[in-house]
Amino acid sequence: MHASGYLINSPERKDRCARVAASVAYKLVEELNKWRRANTAKTSHGLHQEKCASQHNSTAQNVTVQKFQNHLHRLKNSKGAVKRLH
């Protein structure tokens, strides 16, 4: 991209690309989780499954969210960091 003034293989471009990819992946996971919650059947059996799944998966989901947050934090504090697009 000529607008940024950085070469295609520069560390600044690589950093920006990594940030954008991480931000998009994080947002996608948020939206998919929102969609899943909105479209879950609310039958008595469905409620039981949802409660059971949330108890079993809450740790795994928290770990996934924490990994994304840690990754974004590392990118934010890396050398040669550029501003996020948001």
N, C-alpha and C. Protein backbone atom coordinates (compact mmCIF):
# COMPACT_ATOMS: atom_id res chain seq x y z
N MET A 1 0.85 -1.19 0.00
CA MET A 1 0.00 0.00 0.00
C MET A 1 0.88 1.23 0.00
N HIS A 2 0.60 2.08 -0.90
CA HIS A 2 1.38 3.30 -0.99
C HIS A 2 0.89 4.35 0.01
N ALA A 3 -0.36 4.27 0.42
CA ALA A 3 -0.92 5.27 1.32
C ALA A 3 -0.24 5.26 2.69
N SER A 4 0.15 4.09 3.16
CA SER A 4 0.76 4.00 4.48
C SER A 4 2.22 4.45 4.47
N GLY A 5 2.87 4.33 3.33
CA GLY A 5 4.27 4.71 3.24
C GLY A 5 5.22 3.61 3.67
N TYR A 6 4.71 2.44 4.02
CA TYR A 6 5.54 1.32 4.45
C TYR A 6 5.63 0.29 3.33
N LEU A 7 6.77 -0.35 3.24
CA LEU A 7 6.94 -1.42 2.26
C LEU A 7 6.07 -2.61 2.63
N ILE A 8 5.78 -3.44 1.63
CA ILE A 8 4.88 -4.58 1.83
C ILE A 8 5.40 -5.56 2.88
N ASN A 9 6.72 -5.70 3.01
CA ASN A 9 7.26 -6.66 3.98
C ASN A 9 7.86 -5.98 5.21
N SER A 10 7.46 -4.76 5.47
CA SER A 10 8.00 -4.04 6.63
C SER A 10 7.38 -4.55 7.94
N PRO A 11 8.10 -4.40 9.05
CA PRO A 11 7.55 -4.83 10.35
C PRO A 11 6.26 -4.08 10.70
N GLU A 12 6.17 -2.83 10.31
CA GLU A 12 4.95 -2.04 10.61
C GLU A 12 3.73 -2.61 9.89
N ARG A 13 3.91 -3.01 8.65
CA ARG A 13 2.81 -3.59 7.88
C ARG A 13 2.41 -4.95 8.46
N LYS A 14 3.40 -5.74 8.83
CA LYS A 14 3.11 -7.05 9.42
C LYS A 14 2.37 -6.90 10.74
N ASP A 15 2.78 -5.92 11.54
CA ASP A 15 2.13 -5.66 12.82
C ASP A 15 0.67 -5.25 12.60
N ARG A 16 0.45 -4.35 11.66
CA ARG A 16 -0.91 -3.87 11.38
C ARG A 16 -1.78 -5.02 10.88
N CYS A 17 -1.23 -5.84 10.00
CA CYS A 17 -1.98 -6.99 9.48
C CYS A 17 -2.36 -7.95 10.61
N ALA A 18 -1.43 -8.22 11.51
CA ALA A 18 -1.70 -9.11 12.64
C ALA A 18 -2.78 -8.53 13.54
N ARG A 19 -2.74 -7.24 13.76
CA ARG A 19 -3.75 -6.59 14.61
C ARG A 19 -5.14 -6.68 13.99
N VAL A 20 -5.21 -6.39 12.70
CA VAL A 20 -6.50 -6.45 12.01
C VAL A 20 -7.05 -7.87 12.04
N ALA A 21 -6.21 -8.86 11.75
CA ALA A 21 -6.66 -10.26 11.76
C ALA A 21 -7.15 -10.66 13.15
N ALA A 22 -6.43 -10.28 14.20
CA ALA A 22 -6.84 -10.62 15.56
C ALA A 22 -8.15 -9.92 15.92
N SER A 23 -8.29 -8.67 15.54
CA SER A 23 -9.53 -7.93 15.84
C SER A 23 -10.73 -8.55 15.14
N VAL A 24 -10.55 -8.92 13.87
CA VAL A 24 -11.64 -9.53 13.11
C VAL A 24 -12.02 -10.88 13.72
N ALA A 25 -11.04 -11.70 14.07
CA ALA A 25 -11.32 -13.01 14.67
C ALA A 25 -12.06 -12.85 15.99
N TYR A 26 -11.62 -11.92 16.82
CA TYR A 26 -12.26 -11.68 18.11
C TYR A 26 -13.72 -11.25 17.92
N LYS A 27 -13.96 -10.33 17.00
CA LYS A 27 -15.31 -9.84 16.73
C LYS A 27 -16.18 -10.97 16.18
N LEU A 28 -15.61 -11.80 15.32
CA LEU A 28 -16.37 -12.92 14.76
C LEU A 28 -16.82 -13.87 15.86
N VAL A 29 -15.95 -14.19 16.79
CA VAL A 29 -16.31 -15.07 17.90
C VAL A 29 -17.42 -14.44 18.74
N GLU A 30 -17.32 -13.14 19.00
CA GLU A 30 -18.37 -12.46 19.76
C GLU A 30 -19.72 -12.55 19.04
N GLU A 31 -19.73 -12.28 17.74
CA GLU A 31 -20.98 -12.30 16.97
C GLU A 31 -21.56 -13.70 16.86
N LEU A 32 -20.71 -14.71 16.67
CA LEU A 32 -21.20 -16.09 16.60
C LEU A 32 -21.80 -16.52 17.94
N ASN A 33 -21.17 -16.14 19.04
CA ASN A 33 -21.71 -16.46 20.36
C ASN A 33 -23.05 -15.76 20.58
N LYS A 34 -23.15 -14.51 20.15
CA LYS A 34 -24.40 -13.77 20.27
C LYS A 34 -25.51 -14.45 19.46
N TRP A 35 -25.18 -14.85 18.24
CA TRP A 35 -26.15 -15.51 17.37
C TRP A 35 -26.59 -16.84 17.99
N ARG A 36 -25.63 -17.59 18.52
CA ARG A 36 -25.95 -18.89 19.13
C ARG A 36 -26.90 -18.71 20.31
N ARG A 37 -26.63 -17.74 21.16
CA ARG A 37 -27.50 -17.50 22.31
C ARG A 37 -28.91 -17.10 21.87
N ALA A 38 -29.00 -16.32 20.82
CA ALA A 38 -30.31 -15.86 20.35
C ALA A 38 -31.10 -16.97 19.66
N ASN A 39 -30.43 -17.97 19.12
CA ASN A 39 -31.09 -19.01 18.34
C ASN A 39 -31.14 -20.37 19.04
N THR A 40 -30.85 -20.40 20.31
CA THR A 40 -30.92 -21.65 21.06
C THR A 40 -32.37 -21.93 21.42
N ALA A 41 -32.81 -23.16 21.17
CA ALA A 41 -34.19 -23.55 21.49
C ALA A 41 -34.39 -23.45 23.00
N LYS A 42 -35.54 -22.91 23.40
CA LYS A 42 -35.82 -22.70 24.82
C LYS A 42 -36.81 -23.74 25.36
N THR A 43 -36.66 -24.98 24.94
CA THR A 43 -37.49 -26.05 25.50
C THR A 43 -36.93 -26.42 26.87
N SER A 44 -37.69 -27.19 27.62
CA SER A 44 -37.20 -27.57 28.94
C SER A 44 -35.91 -28.38 28.80
N HIS A 45 -35.86 -29.24 27.81
CA HIS A 45 -34.65 -30.02 27.58
C HIS A 45 -33.53 -29.10 27.09
N GLY A 46 -33.87 -28.14 26.22
CA GLY A 46 -32.89 -27.20 25.70
C GLY A 46 -32.30 -26.34 26.82
N LEU A 47 -33.15 -25.92 27.77
CA LEU A 47 -32.66 -25.12 28.89
C LEU A 47 -31.69 -25.93 29.73
N HIS A 48 -32.03 -27.21 29.96
CA HIS A 48 -31.14 -28.06 30.74
C HIS A 48 -29.80 -28.22 30.02
N GLN A 49 -29.86 -28.47 28.71
CA GLN A 49 -28.63 -28.63 27.94
C GLN A 49 -27.81 -27.35 27.95
N GLU A 50 -28.49 -26.22 27.81
CA GLU A 50 -27.78 -24.93 27.81
C GLU A 50 -27.09 -24.69 29.15
N LYS A 51 -27.82 -24.98 30.26
CA LYS A 51 -27.24 -24.79 31.59
C LYS A 51 -26.05 -25.73 31.78
N CYS A 52 -26.23 -26.98 31.39
CA CYS A 52 -25.18 -27.98 31.55
C CYS A 52 -23.97 -27.60 30.69
N ALA A 53 -24.21 -27.20 29.46
CA ALA A 53 -23.12 -26.83 28.56
C ALA A 53 -22.39 -25.60 29.08
N SER A 54 -23.14 -24.66 29.63
CA SER A 54 -22.48 -23.45 30.12
C SER A 54 -21.58 -23.76 31.31
N GLN A 55 -22.01 -24.72 32.14
CA GLN A 55 -21.18 -25.10 33.28
C GLN A 55 -19.91 -25.81 32.82
N HIS A 56 -20.05 -26.66 31.81
CA HIS A 56 -18.90 -27.42 31.33
C HIS A 56 -17.99 -26.60 30.43
N ASN A 57 -18.57 -25.70 29.65
CA ASN A 57 -17.80 -24.97 28.65
C ASN A 57 -17.37 -23.59 29.10
N SER A 58 -17.85 -23.12 30.24
CA SER A 58 -17.51 -21.75 30.65
C SER A 58 -16.01 -21.57 30.82
N THR A 59 -15.34 -22.57 31.36
CA THR A 59 -13.90 -22.48 31.53
C THR A 59 -13.20 -22.44 30.18
N ALA A 60 -13.61 -23.30 29.26
CA ALA A 60 -13.01 -23.33 27.93
C ALA A 60 -13.26 -22.01 27.20
N GLN A 61 -14.47 -21.47 27.30
CA GLN A 61 -14.79 -20.20 26.65
C GLN A 61 -13.98 -19.07 27.26
N ASN A 62 -13.86 -19.06 28.59
CA ASN A 62 -13.08 -18.02 29.25
C ASN A 62 -11.62 -18.08 28.84
N VAL A 63 -11.10 -19.30 28.69
CA VAL A 63 -9.71 -19.47 28.26
C VAL A 63 -9.54 -18.92 26.85
N THR A 64 -10.50 -19.22 25.95
CA THR A 64 -10.43 -18.73 24.57
C THR A 64 -10.47 -17.21 24.54
N VAL A 65 -11.38 -16.61 25.27
CA VAL A 65 -11.48 -15.15 25.32
C VAL A 65 -10.19 -14.57 25.90
N GLN A 66 -9.66 -15.20 26.94
CA GLN A 66 -8.44 -14.72 27.56
C GLN A 66 -7.27 -14.79 26.59
N LYS A 67 -7.21 -15.87 25.78
CA LYS A 67 -6.15 -15.99 24.79
C LYS A 67 -6.22 -14.86 23.77
N PHE A 68 -7.44 -14.55 23.29
CA PHE A 68 -7.59 -13.44 22.36
C PHE A 68 -7.16 -12.12 22.99
N GLN A 69 -7.60 -11.89 24.22
CA GLN A 69 -7.24 -10.65 24.90
C GLN A 69 -5.74 -10.55 25.12
N ASN A 70 -5.10 -11.66 25.50
CA ASN A 70 -3.65 -11.66 25.67
C ASN A 70 -2.94 -11.38 24.37
N HIS A 71 -3.43 -11.99 23.29
CA HIS A 71 -2.82 -11.77 21.97
C HIS A 71 -2.93 -10.31 21.57
N LEU A 72 -4.12 -9.73 21.74
CA LEU A 72 -4.30 -8.32 21.41
C LEU A 72 -3.41 -7.43 22.28
N HIS A 73 -3.28 -7.79 23.56
CA HIS A 73 -2.44 -7.01 24.46
C HIS A 73 -0.97 -7.08 24.03
N ARG A 74 -0.51 -8.29 23.66
CA ARG A 74 0.87 -8.43 23.19
C ARG A 74 1.10 -7.62 21.92
N LEU A 75 0.14 -7.65 21.01
CA LEU A 75 0.28 -6.87 19.78
C LEU A 75 0.31 -5.38 20.08
N LYS A 76 -0.52 -4.97 21.00
CA LYS A 76 -0.61 -3.55 21.35
C LYS A 76 0.70 -3.05 21.94
N ASN A 77 1.37 -3.89 22.71
CA ASN A 77 2.59 -3.48 23.39
C ASN A 77 3.87 -3.89 22.68
N SER A 78 3.74 -4.45 21.47
CA SER A 78 4.95 -4.88 20.76
C SER A 78 5.70 -3.67 20.20
N LYS A 79 6.98 -3.87 19.95
CA LYS A 79 7.80 -2.80 19.38
C LYS A 79 7.30 -2.46 17.99
N GLY A 80 7.35 -1.19 17.65
CA GLY A 80 6.93 -0.74 16.33
C GLY A 80 5.43 -0.84 16.16
N ALA A 81 4.69 -0.84 17.25
CA ALA A 81 3.25 -0.99 17.18
C ALA A 81 2.61 0.19 16.48
N VAL A 82 1.55 -0.09 15.76
CA VAL A 82 0.79 0.96 15.09
C VAL A 82 -0.59 1.02 15.71
N LYS A 83 -1.32 2.07 15.48
CA LYS A 83 -2.64 2.23 16.08
C LYS A 83 -3.63 1.26 15.47
N ARG A 84 -4.59 0.83 16.28
CA ARG A 84 -5.67 -0.03 15.81
C ARG A 84 -6.56 0.77 14.89
N LEU A 85 -7.26 0.06 14.03
CA LEU A 85 -8.14 0.71 13.06
C LEU A 85 -9.43 1.20 13.69
N HIS A 86 -9.81 0.68 14.84
CA HIS A 86 -11.11 1.04 15.44
C HIS A 86 -11.05 2.43 16.01
